[in-house]
Amino acid sequence: MDGMLRGLPGQVPGTRNRDRPDAAPRTAPGWDRDLPVFPPDPKGIAGREASGKVLNVLAQNIPWFLGGSADLGPSNKTFLLFEGAGDFQAGSPEGKNLHFGIREHAMAAIVNGLSLSKLRAFGATFFIFSDYARPAMRLSALMELPTIFIFTHDAMGDGEDGPTHQPVEHLASLRAIPGLITLRPGDANEVVEAYRYVMQLRHQPAVLALSRQPCRPWTGANSHRRLEWLAVPTCWPTPRRETRGDPHCHRQ
């Protein structure tokens, strides 16, 4: 196992020296180029659909960006479909699609471990199943890891499979976890801007709660104006290392 891990930097493009903490950037030059902009559309686009388009752009721009779903890739829209994305397997360690199986807690724990290994990883499932991942997500917040958790089918109106698939209290409960950034974008362009914000986090995990139903994009190219609040300095739940020297924060 040790020999295999030592050999990975030479096999996976863009991973040389990534095992050194001081040589492991969480973003790459031009990481946000080609992010989509969605024009106003009365038919709308679902948050999960917009998310899938963003993930495929980020994974092409950032060599160490990878992830997958707990057996719900087609529903979460998390498959990386561009040429060369591939599946992470024993014989193809360069693959970017991880297949976690129906194991939400294990998925979140694996995403934590990948983050500790200086990879930028995401895991996805239905919002209702965040209950199973919650202990590992809480540890991610305590450990100040920049993990990404993507939860789709965010509304109680989504219950095609009955009341067991209708999240009600989950948004409030995740927002109550100290140190966990929880965003629920209102349209496709807010999804893009939410990812733009999340990808710049270095010491905080983030949740994106995304819709199954189409939402009409209203914001167009000016979507960043509706998300200016994301850039406002805050004292909680920002980790201590992110607030040192911040004149807006008394938590020094």
Protein backbone atom coordinates (compact mmCIF):
# COMPACT_ATOMS: atom_id res chain seq x y z
CA MET A 1 0.00 0.00 0.00
CA ASP A 2 2.77 2.46 0.91
CA GLY A 3 4.52 1.76 -2.38
CA MET A 4 1.32 2.34 -4.33
CA LEU A 5 0.69 5.66 -2.59
CA ARG A 6 4.26 6.81 -3.19
CA GLY A 7 3.86 6.05 -6.88
CA LEU A 8 0.63 7.98 -7.36
CA PRO A 9 2.18 11.43 -7.90
CA GLY A 10 3.92 10.12 -10.98
CA GLN A 11 0.79 8.47 -12.36
CA VAL A 12 -1.83 11.16 -11.85
CA PRO A 13 -1.36 14.38 -13.84
CA GLY A 14 -0.94 17.52 -11.77
CA THR A 15 -0.27 15.71 -8.48
CA ARG A 16 3.51 15.93 -8.12
CA ASN A 17 4.55 17.26 -4.70
CA ARG A 18 0.91 17.30 -3.63
CA ASP A 19 1.82 15.26 -0.54
CA ARG A 20 3.71 18.32 0.77
CA PRO A 21 1.36 20.56 2.78
CA ASP A 22 3.16 23.70 1.61
CA ALA A 23 2.86 22.69 -2.04
CA ALA A 24 -0.83 21.82 -2.14
CA PRO A 25 -2.98 24.75 -3.33
CA ARG A 26 -6.72 24.29 -3.03
CA THR A 27 -7.35 26.26 -6.22
CA ALA A 28 -5.43 26.47 -9.48
CA PRO A 29 -4.70 29.37 -11.84
CA GLY A 30 -7.77 29.95 -13.96
CA TRP A 31 -9.85 27.60 -11.82
CA ASP A 32 -13.06 29.58 -12.46
CA ARG A 33 -12.68 30.14 -16.20
CA ASP A 34 -15.60 29.03 -18.38
CA LEU A 35 -18.06 28.86 -15.50
CA PRO A 36 -21.54 29.05 -17.05
CA VAL A 37 -23.87 32.05 -17.01
CA PHE A 38 -27.54 31.21 -17.38
CA PRO A 39 -29.78 33.68 -19.24
CA PRO A 40 -33.34 34.37 -18.06
CA ASP A 41 -35.50 31.41 -19.00
CA PRO A 42 -39.19 30.97 -18.14
CA LYS A 43 -38.76 27.19 -18.23
CA GLY A 44 -36.06 27.35 -15.60
CA ILE A 45 -33.24 24.99 -14.73
CA ALA A 46 -32.97 22.85 -11.63
CA GLY A 47 -30.27 23.58 -9.10
CA ARG A 48 -28.89 20.07 -9.51
CA GLU A 49 -28.61 20.57 -13.29
CA ALA A 50 -26.70 23.83 -12.89
CA SER A 51 -24.48 22.18 -10.31
CA GLY A 52 -23.59 19.37 -12.70
CA LYS A 53 -22.46 21.87 -15.33
CA VAL A 54 -20.32 23.72 -12.78
CA LEU A 55 -18.72 20.53 -11.46
CA ASN A 56 -17.66 19.49 -14.95
CA VAL A 57 -15.98 22.86 -15.49
CA LEU A 58 -14.19 22.84 -12.12
CA ALA A 59 -12.95 19.29 -12.54
CA GLN A 60 -11.34 20.20 -15.85
CA ASN A 61 -9.71 23.35 -14.45
CA ILE A 62 -8.46 21.89 -11.15
CA PRO A 63 -6.32 18.72 -11.39
CA TRP A 64 -6.95 17.68 -7.77
CA PHE A 65 -10.73 18.22 -7.82
CA LEU A 66 -12.75 14.99 -7.72
CA GLY A 67 -15.76 13.38 -6.09
CA GLY A 68 -18.92 11.41 -6.51
CA SER A 69 -22.25 10.32 -5.12
CA ALA A 70 -23.62 7.72 -2.73
CA ASP A 71 -25.14 5.67 -5.56
CA LEU A 72 -27.22 8.60 -6.83
CA GLY A 73 -24.99 10.12 -9.51
CA PRO A 74 -27.70 10.33 -12.22
CA SER A 75 -30.11 12.01 -9.78
CA ASN A 76 -27.56 14.29 -8.10
CA LYS A 77 -26.08 15.20 -11.53
CA THR A 78 -22.57 14.75 -10.18
CA PHE A 79 -21.10 12.56 -12.92
CA LEU A 80 -18.03 14.13 -14.50
CA LEU A 81 -18.61 13.45 -18.18
CA PHE A 82 -15.83 15.26 -20.01
CA GLU A 83 -13.27 13.28 -21.98
CA GLY A 84 -10.64 11.84 -19.67
CA ALA A 85 -12.63 12.20 -16.45
CA GLY A 86 -12.81 8.46 -15.93
CA ASP A 87 -13.69 6.42 -12.86
CA PHE A 88 -11.40 6.06 -9.87
CA GLN A 89 -10.53 2.38 -9.78
CA ALA A 90 -7.58 0.25 -8.69
CA GLY A 91 -6.35 0.23 -12.26
CA SER A 92 -7.18 3.86 -13.02
CA PRO A 93 -6.09 6.07 -10.09
CA GLU A 94 -6.32 9.10 -12.35
CA GLY A 95 -10.13 8.77 -12.53
CA LYS A 96 -12.15 11.61 -11.05
CA ASN A 97 -15.52 9.89 -10.54
CA LEU A 98 -15.77 8.19 -7.16
CA HIS A 99 -18.50 5.58 -6.64
CA PHE A 100 -19.17 5.52 -2.91
CA GLY A 101 -22.12 3.12 -2.93
CA ILE A 102 -25.09 3.49 -0.60
CA ARG A 103 -22.86 4.58 2.28
CA GLU A 104 -23.47 8.21 3.12
CA HIS A 105 -21.49 8.22 6.37
CA ALA A 106 -18.55 6.42 4.77
CA MET A 107 -18.73 8.82 1.83
CA ALA A 108 -18.47 11.89 4.06
CA ALA A 109 -15.62 10.29 6.04
CA ILE A 110 -13.76 9.47 2.80
CA VAL A 111 -14.23 13.04 1.58
CA ASN A 112 -12.68 14.21 4.85
CA GLY A 113 -9.71 11.91 4.32
CA LEU A 114 -9.24 13.08 0.75
CA SER A 115 -9.22 16.66 1.98
CA LEU A 116 -6.54 15.80 4.53
CA SER A 117 -4.56 14.39 1.59
CA LYS A 118 -4.66 17.84 -0.06
CA LEU A 119 -7.31 16.90 -2.63
CA ARG A 120 -10.44 18.99 -3.11
CA ALA A 121 -13.23 16.45 -2.84
CA PHE A 122 -17.02 16.45 -2.89
CA GLY A 123 -19.68 13.94 -1.93
CA ALA A 124 -23.35 13.96 -2.88
CA THR A 125 -26.69 12.38 -2.03
CA PHE A 126 -30.33 13.37 -1.46
CA PHE A 127 -30.78 16.07 1.18
CA ILE A 128 -32.88 13.72 3.31
CA PHE A 129 -29.91 11.33 3.61
CA SER A 130 -27.65 14.00 5.09
CA ASP A 131 -28.70 12.50 8.43
CA TYR A 132 -26.39 9.54 7.80
CA ALA A 133 -23.45 11.77 6.87
CA ARG A 134 -23.91 14.23 9.73
CA PRO A 135 -21.31 12.83 12.20
CA ALA A 136 -18.54 12.95 9.59
CA MET A 137 -19.68 16.39 8.43
CA ARG A 138 -19.53 17.67 11.99
CA LEU A 139 -15.98 16.33 12.26
CA SER A 140 -15.15 18.11 9.02
CA ALA A 141 -16.23 21.38 10.65
CA LEU A 142 -14.27 20.64 13.83
CA MET A 143 -11.18 19.77 11.76
CA GLU A 144 -11.62 22.89 9.58
CA LEU A 145 -11.51 20.95 6.31
CA PRO A 146 -12.62 22.55 3.02
CA THR A 147 -14.88 19.65 2.05
CA ILE A 148 -17.93 20.01 -0.18
CA PHE A 149 -21.23 18.23 0.40
CA ILE A 150 -23.84 18.41 -2.35
CA PHE A 151 -27.43 17.59 -1.38
CA THR A 152 -30.12 17.60 -4.03
CA HIS A 153 -33.91 17.24 -3.87
CA ASP A 154 -33.94 19.88 -1.17
CA ALA A 155 -37.68 20.52 -0.75
CA MET A 156 -40.51 18.73 1.01
CA GLY A 157 -42.44 18.98 -2.28
CA ASP A 158 -40.06 16.46 -3.84
CA GLY A 159 -41.54 13.42 -2.15
CA GLU A 160 -42.06 11.17 -5.18
CA ASP A 161 -40.99 8.26 -2.98
CA GLY A 162 -43.22 9.25 -0.09
CA PRO A 163 -42.68 11.22 3.12
CA THR A 164 -39.33 9.53 3.83
CA HIS A 165 -37.85 11.60 1.00
CA GLN A 166 -39.25 14.95 2.08
CA PRO A 167 -36.62 16.97 3.98
CA VAL A 168 -38.22 19.37 6.44
CA GLU A 169 -35.90 20.17 9.33
CA HIS A 170 -32.60 19.42 7.58
CA LEU A 171 -31.76 22.91 6.37
CA ALA A 172 -32.16 24.43 9.82
CA SER A 173 -30.27 21.59 11.50
CA LEU A 174 -27.25 21.86 9.19
CA ARG A 175 -27.16 25.63 9.60
CA ALA A 176 -26.96 25.04 13.34
CA ILE A 177 -23.66 23.14 13.06
CA PRO A 178 -20.84 25.53 14.06
CA GLY A 179 -18.26 25.97 11.33
CA LEU A 180 -20.36 24.47 8.54
CA ILE A 181 -21.25 26.82 5.66
CA THR A 182 -24.74 25.95 4.38
CA LEU A 183 -25.98 27.55 1.15
CA ARG A 184 -29.29 27.06 -0.62
CA PRO A 185 -29.05 28.83 -4.01
CA GLY A 186 -32.28 30.23 -5.39
CA ASP A 187 -31.55 29.86 -9.10
CA ALA A 188 -28.94 28.51 -11.52
CA ASN A 189 -26.73 31.60 -11.41
CA GLU A 190 -26.75 31.58 -7.63
CA VAL A 191 -25.54 27.97 -7.87
CA VAL A 192 -22.56 29.18 -9.91
CA GLU A 193 -21.77 31.98 -7.46
CA ALA A 194 -22.16 29.64 -4.49
CA TYR A 195 -19.52 27.35 -5.99
CA ARG A 196 -17.32 30.35 -6.71
CA TYR A 197 -17.46 31.24 -3.01
CA VAL A 198 -17.09 27.68 -1.73
CA MET A 199 -14.04 26.94 -3.86
CA GLN A 200 -12.16 29.79 -2.16
CA LEU A 201 -12.69 28.42 1.34
CA ARG A 202 -9.57 26.96 2.90
CA HIS A 203 -10.65 25.93 6.41
CA GLN A 204 -14.43 25.46 6.32
CA PRO A 205 -16.66 22.70 4.94
CA ALA A 206 -19.67 23.70 2.88
CA VAL A 207 -23.10 22.29 2.06
CA LEU A 208 -25.00 23.13 -1.10
CA ALA A 209 -28.71 22.32 -0.89
CA LEU A 210 -29.97 22.13 -4.47
CA SER A 211 -33.40 21.82 -6.02
CA ARG A 212 -34.79 19.05 -8.16
CA GLN A 213 -37.45 21.34 -9.63
CA PRO A 214 -36.59 23.94 -12.29
CA CYS A 215 -36.09 27.46 -10.96
CA ARG A 216 -36.22 30.41 -13.35
CA PRO A 217 -32.89 32.24 -13.57
CA TRP A 218 -33.41 35.96 -13.13
CA THR A 219 -29.94 37.17 -12.33
CA GLY A 220 -27.97 36.74 -15.56
CA ALA A 221 -24.43 38.07 -15.58
CA ASN A 222 -25.11 40.27 -12.53
CA SER A 223 -25.70 37.33 -10.20
CA HIS A 224 -22.65 38.26 -8.12
CA ARG A 225 -24.49 41.37 -6.92
CA ARG A 226 -27.09 39.21 -5.19
CA LEU A 227 -24.35 37.29 -3.39
CA GLU A 228 -22.23 40.17 -2.16
CA TRP A 229 -23.14 39.17 1.39
CA LEU A 230 -20.93 36.11 0.97
CA ALA A 231 -17.87 38.35 1.02
CA VAL A 232 -18.83 40.21 4.20
CA PRO A 233 -16.32 39.40 6.99
CA THR A 234 -17.91 37.39 9.77
CA CYS A 235 -16.64 36.24 13.13
CA TRP A 236 -18.68 33.05 13.35
CA PRO A 237 -18.30 30.38 12.12
CA THR A 238 -15.04 31.59 10.53
CA PRO A 239 -12.10 29.59 11.96
CA ARG A 240 -9.50 31.41 14.01
CA ARG A 241 -6.80 31.09 11.36
CA GLU A 242 -9.06 32.94 8.89
CA THR A 243 -9.77 35.87 11.24
CA ARG A 244 -6.32 36.79 12.52
CA GLY A 245 -5.68 40.41 11.71
CA ASP A 246 -9.24 41.02 10.44
CA PRO A 247 -10.25 44.48 11.70
CA HIS A 248 -13.92 43.49 11.40
CA CYS A 249 -13.57 40.62 13.82
CA HIS A 250 -13.03 40.73 17.56
CA ARG A 251 -12.33 36.98 17.75
CA GLN A 252 -8.53 37.23 17.54
